[in-house]
Each structure stands twice: as C-alpha cells, then as structure tokens.
Amino acid sequence: LRYPFAAMGVKNTLLIYYEGQFDRAPQHKKVFAYRDYGHQLITTLKTNITDTIYTKLHVTQFDSWAATPKGGIEYGVAVGINF
C-alpha cells in the first residue's frame, strides 16, 4: 500500500508492505526452525527534503522469517539522493 500526503509543506509517502509464506515444506521448516506460517510486515515513512534528497524511517516486524524464527522487530533510518 502507498499513501502520498503533504504535511507542513513537505511531501511524504507512507508505505506498507506485507509478505507471507503459508504451508511451508517440512524440510524448510526443519532447516530454518520455522513454523508452518511466517511473514514480514514493513512500514515506511518517506519524506522528501528537496526534489533530490529524501529520508526514510522504517519498522519491520518479522515472525518466523529470515534470521528470526521466533519473531522480531527491526528499525531503520536512511538518507538518500535521487539522480
């Protein structure tokens, strides 16, 4: 999902991304210690400082995904330049 909006004269975008896996193979579950279901949910706020410079704040919630078989949360901050 993508929701562009303006606040205090600055262009922003709220992004929500979900990816899930269902009915995993027994071998896959055994190797990675995953459950039958796993997901990642990423919420990002992108703010355009200028036409070329932006910042991003994101929170990712994992459940039986990647290196987090028992779940976890990841936070991130980024500054980028559009060419």
N, C-alpha and C. Protein backbone atom coordinates (compact mmCIF):
# COMPACT_ATOMS: atom_id res chain seq x y z
N LEU A 1 0.84 -1.17 0.00
CA LEU A 1 0.00 0.00 0.00
C LEU A 1 0.88 1.23 0.00
N ARG A 2 0.43 2.25 -0.68
CA ARG A 2 1.20 3.50 -0.79
C ARG A 2 0.23 4.66 -0.62
N TYR A 3 0.55 5.58 0.31
CA TYR A 3 -0.31 6.72 0.58
C TYR A 3 0.52 8.01 0.59
N PRO A 4 0.50 8.77 -0.51
CA PRO A 4 1.22 10.04 -0.53
C PRO A 4 0.39 11.12 0.19
N PHE A 5 1.09 11.99 0.92
CA PHE A 5 0.41 13.09 1.60
C PHE A 5 1.41 14.21 1.87
N ALA A 6 0.89 15.39 2.14
CA ALA A 6 1.73 16.54 2.46
C ALA A 6 1.45 16.95 3.90
N ALA A 7 2.52 17.31 4.62
CA ALA A 7 2.40 17.80 5.98
C ALA A 7 3.41 18.91 6.17
N MET A 8 2.96 20.06 6.65
CA MET A 8 3.81 21.22 6.88
C MET A 8 4.59 21.61 5.62
N GLY A 9 3.95 21.48 4.46
CA GLY A 9 4.56 21.87 3.20
C GLY A 9 5.59 20.89 2.66
N VAL A 10 5.68 19.70 3.22
CA VAL A 10 6.66 18.71 2.79
C VAL A 10 5.93 17.49 2.23
N LYS A 11 6.43 16.95 1.12
CA LYS A 11 5.84 15.75 0.52
C LYS A 11 6.30 14.51 1.28
N ASN A 12 5.34 13.67 1.63
CA ASN A 12 5.60 12.42 2.36
C ASN A 12 4.90 11.27 1.66
N THR A 13 5.35 10.07 1.96
CA THR A 13 4.69 8.86 1.50
C THR A 13 4.74 7.83 2.61
N LEU A 14 3.59 7.26 2.93
CA LEU A 14 3.51 6.16 3.87
C LEU A 14 3.39 4.88 3.06
N LEU A 15 4.28 3.92 3.31
CA LEU A 15 4.29 2.66 2.57
C LEU A 15 4.11 1.50 3.55
N ILE A 16 3.26 0.55 3.20
CA ILE A 16 3.08 -0.66 4.00
C ILE A 16 3.23 -1.85 3.07
N TYR A 17 4.12 -2.77 3.44
CA TYR A 17 4.43 -3.94 2.62
C TYR A 17 4.27 -5.19 3.48
N TYR A 18 3.57 -6.18 2.98
CA TYR A 18 3.39 -7.45 3.68
C TYR A 18 3.79 -8.59 2.75
N GLU A 19 4.51 -9.54 3.29
CA GLU A 19 4.83 -10.75 2.55
C GLU A 19 4.70 -11.93 3.51
N GLY A 20 3.99 -12.95 3.10
CA GLY A 20 3.79 -14.11 3.96
C GLY A 20 4.04 -15.40 3.22
N GLN A 21 4.36 -16.43 3.98
CA GLN A 21 4.52 -17.77 3.43
C GLN A 21 3.64 -18.72 4.24
N PHE A 22 2.89 -19.54 3.53
CA PHE A 22 1.96 -20.46 4.15
C PHE A 22 2.31 -21.89 3.74
N ASP A 23 2.01 -22.83 4.60
CA ASP A 23 2.16 -24.25 4.29
C ASP A 23 3.58 -24.57 3.80
N ARG A 24 4.57 -24.23 4.61
CA ARG A 24 5.96 -24.49 4.25
C ARG A 24 6.25 -25.99 4.24
N ALA A 25 7.21 -26.37 3.42
CA ALA A 25 7.63 -27.77 3.33
C ALA A 25 8.28 -28.20 4.65
N PRO A 26 8.10 -29.45 5.04
CA PRO A 26 8.71 -29.94 6.30
C PRO A 26 10.23 -29.75 6.34
N GLN A 27 10.91 -29.97 5.21
CA GLN A 27 12.37 -29.80 5.18
C GLN A 27 12.75 -28.33 5.42
N HIS A 28 12.01 -27.43 4.83
CA HIS A 28 12.25 -25.99 5.00
C HIS A 28 12.09 -25.60 6.47
N LYS A 29 11.03 -26.09 7.09
CA LYS A 29 10.77 -25.78 8.50
C LYS A 29 11.87 -26.35 9.39
N LYS A 30 12.33 -27.56 9.08
CA LYS A 30 13.35 -28.20 9.90
C LYS A 30 14.69 -27.47 9.80
N VAL A 31 15.12 -27.13 8.60
CA VAL A 31 16.42 -26.48 8.39
C VAL A 31 16.48 -25.11 9.06
N PHE A 32 15.41 -24.30 8.93
CA PHE A 32 15.43 -22.94 9.43
C PHE A 32 14.73 -22.76 10.78
N ALA A 33 14.19 -23.83 11.34
CA ALA A 33 13.45 -23.79 12.60
C ALA A 33 12.23 -22.87 12.49
N TYR A 34 11.62 -22.84 11.32
CA TYR A 34 10.43 -22.02 11.08
C TYR A 34 9.17 -22.79 11.41
N ARG A 35 8.09 -22.05 11.60
CA ARG A 35 6.77 -22.65 11.73
C ARG A 35 6.15 -22.79 10.34
N ASP A 36 4.94 -23.30 10.29
CA ASP A 36 4.23 -23.51 9.03
C ASP A 36 3.94 -22.18 8.32
N TYR A 37 3.78 -21.10 9.10
CA TYR A 37 3.47 -19.78 8.55
C TYR A 37 4.53 -18.79 9.03
N GLY A 38 4.89 -17.85 8.15
CA GLY A 38 5.80 -16.78 8.53
C GLY A 38 5.52 -15.55 7.69
N HIS A 39 5.91 -14.37 8.22
CA HIS A 39 5.66 -13.14 7.46
C HIS A 39 6.67 -12.05 7.84
N GLN A 40 6.69 -11.03 7.00
CA GLN A 40 7.34 -9.77 7.33
C GLN A 40 6.37 -8.66 6.98
N LEU A 41 6.30 -7.66 7.85
CA LEU A 41 5.44 -6.50 7.67
C LEU A 41 6.33 -5.27 7.81
N ILE A 42 6.46 -4.51 6.73
CA ILE A 42 7.35 -3.35 6.71
C ILE A 42 6.51 -2.08 6.57
N THR A 43 6.70 -1.15 7.51
CA THR A 43 6.03 0.14 7.47
C THR A 43 7.12 1.21 7.30
N THR A 44 6.97 2.06 6.28
CA THR A 44 7.99 3.05 5.96
C THR A 44 7.36 4.43 5.80
N LEU A 45 8.03 5.44 6.34
CA LEU A 45 7.65 6.83 6.11
C LEU A 45 8.79 7.49 5.34
N LYS A 46 8.50 7.90 4.12
CA LYS A 46 9.49 8.58 3.28
C LYS A 46 9.14 10.06 3.22
N THR A 47 10.11 10.93 3.48
CA THR A 47 9.92 12.37 3.45
C THR A 47 10.89 12.99 2.46
N ASN A 48 10.37 13.75 1.51
CA ASN A 48 11.22 14.44 0.53
C ASN A 48 11.67 15.77 1.13
N ILE A 49 12.96 15.88 1.43
CA ILE A 49 13.53 17.12 1.95
C ILE A 49 13.59 18.15 0.83
N THR A 50 14.11 17.73 -0.33
CA THR A 50 14.13 18.55 -1.55
C THR A 50 13.68 17.64 -2.68
N ASP A 51 13.79 18.11 -3.92
CA ASP A 51 13.43 17.27 -5.06
C ASP A 51 14.36 16.07 -5.22
N THR A 52 15.58 16.16 -4.69
CA THR A 52 16.55 15.08 -4.86
C THR A 52 16.94 14.37 -3.56
N ILE A 53 16.74 14.96 -2.40
CA ILE A 53 17.15 14.37 -1.13
C ILE A 53 15.92 13.94 -0.33
N TYR A 54 15.98 12.72 0.21
CA TYR A 54 14.86 12.21 0.99
C TYR A 54 15.37 11.47 2.23
N THR A 55 14.49 11.27 3.19
CA THR A 55 14.78 10.44 4.35
C THR A 55 13.73 9.34 4.44
N LYS A 56 14.11 8.24 5.06
CA LYS A 56 13.17 7.14 5.28
C LYS A 56 13.32 6.63 6.71
N LEU A 57 12.21 6.40 7.34
CA LEU A 57 12.16 5.73 8.63
C LEU A 57 11.35 4.47 8.42
N HIS A 58 11.85 3.34 8.91
CA HIS A 58 11.07 2.12 8.72
C HIS A 58 11.10 1.24 9.96
N VAL A 59 10.02 0.49 10.12
CA VAL A 59 9.90 -0.52 11.17
C VAL A 59 9.47 -1.80 10.46
N THR A 60 10.20 -2.88 10.71
CA THR A 60 9.87 -4.17 10.12
C THR A 60 9.57 -5.16 11.24
N GLN A 61 8.45 -5.84 11.15
CA GLN A 61 8.09 -6.86 12.12
C GLN A 61 8.16 -8.22 11.42
N PHE A 62 8.98 -9.11 11.97
CA PHE A 62 9.17 -10.45 11.42
C PHE A 62 8.51 -11.48 12.32
N ASP A 63 8.00 -12.55 11.73
CA ASP A 63 7.51 -13.68 12.50
C ASP A 63 7.86 -14.94 11.72
N SER A 64 8.76 -15.74 12.26
CA SER A 64 9.23 -16.95 11.60
C SER A 64 9.71 -16.62 10.19
N TRP A 65 10.64 -15.65 10.12
CA TRP A 65 11.11 -15.12 8.85
C TRP A 65 12.59 -14.77 8.95
N ALA A 66 13.33 -14.99 7.90
CA ALA A 66 14.76 -14.63 7.81
C ALA A 66 15.50 -15.20 9.02
N ALA A 67 16.28 -14.39 9.71
CA ALA A 67 17.07 -14.88 10.84
C ALA A 67 16.29 -14.80 12.15
N THR A 68 14.97 -14.69 12.07
CA THR A 68 14.15 -14.54 13.27
C THR A 68 13.06 -15.61 13.34
N PRO A 69 13.44 -16.86 13.61
CA PRO A 69 12.43 -17.92 13.65
C PRO A 69 11.38 -17.70 14.74
N LYS A 70 11.71 -16.96 15.79
CA LYS A 70 10.76 -16.71 16.86
C LYS A 70 10.19 -15.29 16.81
N GLY A 71 10.46 -14.56 15.75
CA GLY A 71 9.92 -13.21 15.58
C GLY A 71 10.89 -12.14 16.04
N GLY A 72 10.63 -10.92 15.61
CA GLY A 72 11.48 -9.81 15.99
C GLY A 72 11.08 -8.53 15.29
N ILE A 73 11.72 -7.43 15.69
CA ILE A 73 11.45 -6.11 15.11
C ILE A 73 12.78 -5.48 14.71
N GLU A 74 12.77 -4.81 13.58
CA GLU A 74 13.95 -4.10 13.07
C GLU A 74 13.55 -2.66 12.80
N TYR A 75 14.40 -1.72 13.19
CA TYR A 75 14.18 -0.31 12.94
C TYR A 75 15.27 0.19 12.00
N GLY A 76 14.96 1.17 11.17
CA GLY A 76 15.97 1.71 10.28
C GLY A 76 15.74 3.16 9.92
N VAL A 77 16.81 3.85 9.61
CA VAL A 77 16.79 5.24 9.16
C VAL A 77 17.70 5.33 7.94
N ALA A 78 17.27 6.04 6.92
CA ALA A 78 18.08 6.19 5.71
C ALA A 78 17.97 7.61 5.18
N VAL A 79 19.02 8.05 4.55
CA VAL A 79 19.04 9.31 3.81
C VAL A 79 19.48 8.95 2.41
N GLY A 80 18.75 9.44 1.39
CA GLY A 80 19.08 9.07 0.03
C GLY A 80 19.04 10.25 -0.92
N ILE A 81 19.59 10.03 -2.10
CA ILE A 81 19.63 11.04 -3.17
C ILE A 81 19.08 10.40 -4.44
N ASN A 82 18.14 11.08 -5.07
CA ASN A 82 17.64 10.66 -6.38
C ASN A 82 18.49 11.31 -7.46
N PHE A 83 18.95 10.52 -8.41
CA PHE A 83 19.77 11.05 -9.50
C PHE A 83 18.91 11.31 -10.71
